[in-house]
Each structure stands twice: as C-alpha cells, then as structure tokens.
Amino acid sequence: MKQIKYLLLFVAIFMANSIFAQNANQAKACMDKAAANISNLGGFTARFELSRPGAVGRTAGTISVKGVKFVATTPQTTVWFNGTTQWSYMKSTDEVNVSTPTEAQRLSMNPYALMTLYRQGYNLSMTNEGGSYVVHMKATNPKRNIPEAYVTVNKAYQLQKIKIKQANKWTTITVSGIQRKNLSDNIFTFNKKNYPSAEVIDLR
C-alpha cells in the first residue's frame, strides 16, 4: 500500500514538474517573440504612461528607442541614454544630471529594456488574461535590482504593459501607439547647444 502511495506521489510530482517546465518554456517562447518584434522594428517611437505609488503618482510621455538607446520625454523631464551614459534634464530646475544608470533606473524610463533581461537570471511563468499573455519574471537572486516583474503582450506579441517591483513597490508602465521610425544615433545623446542655460551635474 505504501509503495502505491509513494508511486502516486512520485507521479504527481513528476507531472507537476513537467507542467511547470512546459509553462516556463511557453513563457520564454512568448518573450522571445515579443523581443524579436521589437528587434525587427529597428528604431521606433511609442507613447507610455507610468504610474507608481507615492508623490510621483502618474505621468505620461513619448519614447524613441533604437536597440538599447532611448530618449524619453514627459512634461517634467527628458532622459537620453546612448547605451552607456544617461542624461536627465529637469525642466523645473534647468539642470541636467549625468550618470551611468542602474538596471532599475533604465527600466523606469525605458520599458523595452526589460525585453532583454528575461534571458538570464529569471524564472518565467505565463498566464492568459483578457486575450493577452502575461509573463511573470522572478529573479533567481532576490537582491537583483528588479526582483520581480510582469510583462503583458497581446496575441501579436506586441508589448502592452510592464509591471516592475523595486524596493517593495510596484511601478506600472503602459505602452501604446508604436510606430516604426528611422532614428539617428545623435538623438540619444544630450546636446548642450539645445539647452544653453542648463547646469550640467556629473554624478558618475
């Protein structure tokens, strides 16, 4: 009797692990297709809306992306990232902060950066919600800058929404209006000539 009990337990565990592995593979395939869609665009522009708890609240803007480079503009700020250096211009203070951004900082302004992070250091699972795929990313190292995230893509594998966890708080970024564009590399670097009165503060 005990042998049958242990055999059934083994079968149950094996089936659960098999289902988990299949789901993880499906989640990775979904992310692979979504990442390929973005890569195939080359350069593109989109609208985004960002919401997070606290005083920051909700803000909306536009973003232009080419590979890892991006420039994002909101009513309060403009952020440029050329793949190495980030410039953040605050309109209220007429200041530009120059930095080498962390993973979390890049993600807070460029949701598409998450579309490459999933490949290493995350366990993936997937559910279907309202006609969209929702991929849950959980870091194998809980001390990672982004320990957890949810990525929502439609049935055409186009990014719709990202929800990321930072310091036990969630930030949600909704994306719409994606348009393919030929973008010059120059637009991803801050040009002092366009902001002659701005104070540049190097934080590197």
Foldseek 3Di string as FASTA:
>chain_A
DVVVVVVVVVVVVVVVVVVLVVQQVVLVVLLVLLLVVVQVLQKKKWKKKKAWDDPVGIWIWMKIDGPLWIWTDTPAWIWFDLPAKIWIAGPVQLAIEIDGDDPVVSCRGPVSSVSPVQPPQWGWGWDDDPQWIKIKTAGPDCPHQFRIKIWIAHPSSHTAKIWTDGPNIIMIMGIDDMDRDDDDSVVRDDDCVVSVPHHYHYPD
